[in-house]
Amino acid sequence: MRITVFTGNQARHVALIEALTQIADEVFAVQECTTVFPGQVDDFFRRSEVMQKYFRRVLSAEQLVFGQTRFVSKEARQLAIRMGDLSRLATGVLAPALQSDVYLVFGASYIKGPLCDHLVANRAVNIHMGVSPFYRGSSTNFWAMYDRRPEYVGATIHRLTAGLDSGPIICHAFPRAESADPFIIGMRAVQAAHRAVVEHLRAGDLHDMQPVDQDRSMEIRYSRNSDFTDDVAGEYLERVPTAGEMESAMKGRKFEGAVRPFAA
C-alpha cells in the first residue's frame, strides 16, 4: 500500500507519519511548516504573553502524548514547504506523491485548484480536529472546551471536498474518558483520530464505509482563527476545567449524532 499524507511539522503530525510507515509499503509526507514555538513567534497564532502561557500548556501536553519535535522517520519520503504554499505548487513537483493508493490530509492548509481536484477524485480523507458538524472551523476543540462542552472534543474523519471541512463523514473519533488535564484530553483526541484512521487502513475498509452527509442544521459554532484572541485565551486559562470535571463530562457522553464513533 502506498500512502500520501499532507500534514504539518509538529510532533503530532510526525507521529501520524510514523504510524503510517508501520502499515504502508511507501509513505510520501508533504509537510507544511509553521513555528514550533507558537505564542513566542508570530506565525499562524500571534505572539503575546497570553498566547505564550496558553501554548506552553499545549506543547507540554503534546510532548507528553507524542514526544518532542523530531526528524521524520527515514521510512517516509518527505517534502517540507511553508504553510500555505501547498496549493501553489506545480503538480509536477508533487508527481511522485500523486500515484498513491490512499491520500490523507491532517493539519494542512486549505487545498484548492488542480491538487484538490486530484485528491477529491481519488477519495482523499481529511482528519478534522473537531466534531463536525457541531464544531467547524479553526481551533474547534478549544471552542468546545470554552463552551463547557468537553463531550464534543474529538475528531471527524471525512472525505475531502472543495468546501472547508464539509465533506461526508466516515467516522468520528473520541478520547476515552479519563481524569486528566483538558490540554492532555485534546491531544488524546488527536491520538484517537490517528488510531481510527490507521486501524481502518489496516483492516482495508476505510474506503468501503458509506460516508454520511453533514447536517449543517446541527452546527453549534463555526470559528475562525481571528476569533481566538488574547482576551478569549486569557479568560479560558482562568477557568480551565479540572481533571475531575473532564472525566465526569466525558463519562456522560452519548455520542448522539456521531457517525461510527471510535473511542481510543
Protein backbone atom coordinates (compact mmCIF):
# COMPACT_ATOMS: atom_id res chain seq x y z
CA MET A 1 0.00 0.00 0.00
CA ARG A 2 1.27 3.45 -0.95
CA ILE A 3 0.11 6.41 1.16
CA THR A 4 0.49 10.16 0.66
CA VAL A 5 -0.19 12.41 3.63
CA PHE A 6 -0.42 16.20 3.55
CA THR A 7 0.27 17.40 7.07
CA GLY A 8 2.31 19.69 9.33
CA ASN A 9 5.63 19.63 11.16
CA GLN A 10 4.59 19.46 14.82
CA ALA A 11 5.15 16.33 16.91
CA ARG A 12 1.54 15.19 16.45
CA HIS A 13 1.94 15.36 12.67
CA VAL A 14 5.22 13.45 12.74
CA ALA A 15 3.54 10.81 14.93
CA LEU A 16 0.92 10.20 12.24
CA ILE A 17 3.61 9.83 9.57
CA GLU A 18 5.42 7.31 11.78
CA ALA A 19 2.23 5.34 12.35
CA LEU A 20 1.55 5.20 8.61
CA THR A 21 5.03 3.82 7.90
CA GLN A 22 4.12 0.83 10.06
CA ILE A 23 1.30 -0.25 7.73
CA ALA A 24 2.38 1.03 4.31
CA ASP A 25 4.97 -0.10 1.77
CA GLU A 26 5.73 3.53 0.95
CA VAL A 27 4.77 6.85 2.54
CA PHE A 28 5.06 10.31 0.99
CA ALA A 29 4.85 13.08 3.59
CA VAL A 30 4.25 16.62 2.36
CA GLN A 31 4.72 18.85 5.41
CA GLU A 32 3.63 22.46 5.61
CA CYS A 33 5.77 24.07 8.27
CA THR A 34 4.92 26.56 11.00
CA THR A 35 6.88 27.65 14.05
CA VAL A 36 7.40 25.07 16.77
CA PHE A 37 7.23 27.96 19.25
CA PRO A 38 3.60 29.20 18.93
CA GLY A 39 2.89 32.19 21.12
CA GLN A 40 6.59 33.06 21.22
CA VAL A 41 6.92 33.68 17.46
CA ASP A 42 4.44 35.49 15.22
CA ASP A 43 3.02 32.92 12.85
CA PHE A 44 -0.41 31.27 12.47
CA PHE A 45 -1.01 32.38 16.08
CA ARG A 46 0.12 35.79 17.27
CA ARG A 47 2.96 36.44 19.70
CA SER A 48 1.88 37.63 23.15
CA GLU A 49 2.31 36.83 26.83
CA VAL A 50 -1.14 35.25 26.99
CA MET A 51 -0.50 33.11 23.92
CA GLN A 52 2.86 32.02 25.35
CA LYS A 53 1.12 30.93 28.53
CA TYR A 54 -1.62 29.11 26.62
CA PHE A 55 0.67 27.32 24.18
CA ARG A 56 3.09 26.37 26.94
CA ARG A 57 0.34 24.08 28.17
CA VAL A 58 -0.49 22.89 24.65
CA LEU A 59 3.13 21.99 23.93
CA SER A 60 3.55 20.29 27.30
CA ALA A 61 0.53 18.10 26.57
CA GLU A 62 1.70 17.39 23.03
CA GLN A 63 5.14 16.32 24.25
CA LEU A 64 3.58 14.04 26.86
CA VAL A 65 1.40 12.27 24.26
CA PHE A 66 3.53 12.47 21.09
CA GLY A 67 7.09 13.25 22.20
CA GLN A 68 9.43 16.03 21.16
CA THR A 69 9.74 17.77 17.79
CA ARG A 70 11.94 15.44 15.76
CA PHE A 71 13.14 14.21 12.39
CA VAL A 72 10.62 12.40 10.23
CA SER A 73 11.06 8.63 10.08
CA LYS A 74 13.59 7.51 7.47
CA GLU A 75 10.90 5.17 6.08
CA ALA A 76 8.98 8.18 4.72
CA ARG A 77 9.85 10.39 1.75
CA GLN A 78 9.49 13.98 2.87
CA LEU A 79 8.86 17.31 1.19
CA ALA A 80 8.87 20.34 3.52
CA ILE A 81 7.25 23.60 2.41
CA ARG A 82 5.90 26.74 4.04
CA MET A 83 2.34 26.68 5.37
CA GLY A 84 0.01 27.98 2.68
CA ASP A 85 2.25 27.02 -0.26
CA LEU A 86 0.68 23.63 -0.95
CA SER A 87 -1.92 24.72 -3.49
CA ARG A 88 0.66 26.91 -5.28
CA LEU A 89 2.96 24.01 -6.12
CA ALA A 90 3.00 22.77 -9.69
CA THR A 91 1.56 19.27 -9.86
CA GLY A 92 4.83 18.15 -11.45
CA VAL A 93 6.63 18.84 -8.17
CA LEU A 94 4.23 16.53 -6.37
CA ALA A 95 4.06 13.94 -9.17
CA PRO A 96 5.77 11.09 -7.25
CA ALA A 97 3.26 11.54 -4.42
CA LEU A 98 0.20 11.65 -6.67
CA GLN A 99 0.22 7.99 -7.62
CA SER A 100 -0.77 6.56 -4.24
CA ASP A 101 -3.49 4.19 -3.11
CA VAL A 102 -4.50 6.37 -0.15
CA TYR A 103 -4.42 10.14 0.34
CA LEU A 104 -4.73 11.68 3.79
CA VAL A 105 -4.89 15.30 4.92
CA PHE A 106 -4.18 16.29 8.52
CA GLY A 107 -3.29 19.83 9.54
CA ALA A 108 -2.56 21.13 6.02
CA SER A 109 -3.72 24.47 4.64
CA TYR A 110 -6.92 24.84 2.63
CA ILE A 111 -6.28 22.82 -0.55
CA LYS A 112 -7.55 24.33 -3.80
CA GLY A 113 -7.15 24.05 -7.56
CA PRO A 114 -5.83 21.04 -9.51
CA LEU A 115 -4.43 19.36 -6.39
CA CYS A 116 -7.84 19.49 -4.71
CA ASP A 117 -9.45 18.08 -7.86
CA HIS A 118 -6.99 15.19 -7.90
CA LEU A 119 -7.47 14.40 -4.22
CA VAL A 120 -11.26 14.55 -4.40
CA ALA A 121 -11.27 12.29 -7.47
CA ASN A 122 -9.13 9.79 -5.55
CA ARG A 123 -11.30 9.78 -2.41
CA ALA A 124 -8.84 11.60 -0.16
CA VAL A 125 -9.66 11.54 3.54
CA ASN A 126 -9.31 14.54 5.86
CA ILE A 127 -8.74 14.36 9.61
CA HIS A 128 -10.52 17.39 11.07
CA MET A 129 -9.80 18.04 14.73
CA GLY A 130 -13.26 18.81 16.00
CA VAL A 131 -16.60 17.03 15.95
CA SER A 132 -18.35 18.19 12.78
CA PRO A 133 -20.96 19.34 12.03
CA PHE A 134 -21.32 20.53 15.64
CA TYR A 135 -18.00 22.41 15.75
CA ARG A 136 -16.46 23.57 12.50
CA GLY A 137 -13.68 25.94 11.52
CA SER A 138 -10.47 26.71 13.41
CA SER A 139 -9.37 25.51 16.89
CA THR A 140 -12.68 23.68 17.25
CA ASN A 141 -11.72 21.52 20.22
CA PHE A 142 -10.64 24.65 22.07
CA TRP A 143 -14.07 26.16 21.45
CA ALA A 144 -15.83 23.02 22.65
CA MET A 145 -13.85 23.35 25.90
CA TYR A 146 -14.52 27.08 26.04
CA ASP A 147 -18.25 26.42 25.68
CA ARG A 148 -18.05 23.87 28.54
CA ARG A 149 -18.91 21.04 26.17
CA PRO A 150 -15.96 18.62 26.55
CA GLU A 151 -18.17 15.82 25.28
CA TYR A 152 -17.70 17.43 21.85
CA VAL A 153 -13.91 17.17 21.96
CA GLY A 154 -12.84 14.73 19.27
CA ALA A 155 -12.14 14.43 15.57
CA THR A 156 -14.00 13.92 12.33
CA ILE A 157 -12.63 11.64 9.62
CA HIS A 158 -14.35 12.64 6.40
CA ARG A 159 -14.00 12.68 2.64
CA LEU A 160 -12.16 15.69 1.30
CA THR A 161 -14.27 18.09 -0.77
CA ALA A 162 -13.72 21.53 -2.25
CA GLY A 163 -15.54 23.02 0.75
CA LEU A 164 -13.73 23.57 4.05
CA ASP A 165 -14.26 20.60 6.42
CA SER A 166 -17.64 19.95 4.81
CA GLY A 167 -17.21 16.52 3.27
CA PRO A 168 -19.33 13.46 4.14
CA ILE A 169 -18.29 11.76 7.37
CA ILE A 170 -16.67 8.33 7.53
CA CYS A 171 -16.42 8.21 11.32
CA HIS A 172 -15.87 10.25 14.46
CA ALA A 173 -13.04 9.63 16.92
CA PHE A 174 -13.10 10.48 20.62
CA PRO A 175 -10.64 10.27 23.51
CA ARG A 176 -11.57 7.79 26.21
CA ALA A 177 -12.97 9.21 29.44
CA GLU A 178 -10.20 9.80 31.96
CA SER A 179 -9.29 12.13 34.78
CA ALA A 180 -6.77 14.35 33.02
CA ASP A 181 -5.89 17.94 32.24
CA PRO A 182 -8.06 19.22 29.35
CA PHE A 183 -4.97 20.03 27.28
CA ILE A 184 -3.97 16.39 27.51
CA ILE A 185 -7.51 15.34 26.59
CA GLY A 186 -7.18 17.49 23.47
CA MET A 187 -4.04 15.60 22.46
CA ARG A 188 -5.71 12.28 23.29
CA ALA A 189 -8.37 13.28 20.75
CA VAL A 190 -5.64 13.65 18.12
CA GLN A 191 -4.26 10.26 19.13
CA ALA A 192 -7.74 8.71 18.81
CA ALA A 193 -8.05 10.13 15.30
CA HIS A 194 -4.70 8.66 14.29
CA ARG A 195 -5.67 5.26 15.67
CA ALA A 196 -9.06 5.30 13.95
CA VAL A 197 -7.50 6.00 10.54
CA VAL A 198 -4.66 3.52 10.97
CA GLU A 199 -6.96 0.74 12.17
CA HIS A 200 -9.37 1.23 9.26
CA LEU A 201 -6.46 1.31 6.82
CA ARG A 202 -5.05 -1.87 8.34
CA ALA A 203 -8.48 -3.51 8.06
CA GLY A 204 -8.76 -2.29 4.47
CA ASP A 205 -12.23 -0.79 4.92
CA LEU A 206 -11.54 2.98 5.09
CA HIS A 207 -12.94 3.48 1.58
CA ASP A 208 -15.64 0.83 1.92
CA MET A 209 -17.69 2.57 4.60
CA GLN A 210 -20.55 4.63 3.22
CA PRO A 211 -19.93 8.25 4.28
CA VAL A 212 -22.74 10.28 5.84
CA ASP A 213 -23.51 13.82 4.65
CA GLN A 214 -23.05 16.53 7.25
CA ASP A 215 -26.23 18.09 8.62
CA ARG A 216 -25.42 21.79 8.89
CA SER A 217 -28.52 22.41 10.99
CA MET A 218 -26.68 20.69 13.89
CA GLU A 219 -23.89 23.28 13.94
CA ILE A 220 -23.19 24.80 17.37
CA ARG A 221 -20.30 27.07 16.46
CA TYR A 222 -18.24 27.99 13.39
CA SER A 223 -14.95 29.55 14.49
CA ARG A 224 -12.25 31.48 12.66
CA ASN A 225 -8.63 31.92 13.66
CA SER A 226 -9.32 35.62 14.28
CA ASP A 227 -11.83 34.64 16.99
CA PHE A 228 -9.03 33.17 19.13
CA THR A 229 -7.86 36.39 20.77
CA ASP A 230 -5.73 37.15 23.83
CA ASP A 231 -8.88 38.00 25.76
CA VAL A 232 -10.52 34.70 24.89
CA ALA A 233 -7.40 32.63 25.67
CA GLY A 234 -6.84 34.53 28.92
CA GLU A 235 -10.44 34.05 30.02
CA TYR A 236 -10.23 30.32 29.31
CA LEU A 237 -6.98 29.93 31.26
CA GLU A 238 -8.74 31.46 34.28
CA ARG A 239 -11.47 28.81 34.23
CA VAL A 240 -9.86 25.68 32.77
CA PRO A 241 -11.94 22.61 33.71
CA THR A 242 -10.42 20.34 36.34
CA ALA A 243 -9.40 16.77 35.58
CA GLY A 244 -12.38 15.56 37.59
CA GLU A 245 -14.81 17.76 35.66
CA MET A 246 -13.39 16.44 32.41
CA GLU A 247 -13.85 12.82 33.44
CA SER A 248 -17.40 13.41 34.63
CA ALA A 249 -18.44 15.17 31.42
CA MET A 250 -16.82 12.57 29.19
CA LYS A 251 -18.37 9.65 31.06
CA GLY A 252 -21.77 11.16 30.35
CA ARG A 253 -21.27 11.25 26.58
CA LYS A 254 -23.97 9.61 24.50
CA PHE A 255 -22.34 10.20 21.08
CA GLU A 256 -25.69 11.38 19.72
CA GLY A 257 -25.29 12.30 16.08
CA ALA A 258 -21.85 10.69 15.87
CA VAL A 259 -21.01 8.51 12.88
CA ARG A 260 -19.41 5.15 13.76
CA PRO A 261 -17.90 6.57 16.97
CA PHE A 262 -14.40 5.30 17.68
CA ALA A 263 -13.03 5.82 21.20
CA ALA A 264 -9.36 5.27 21.99
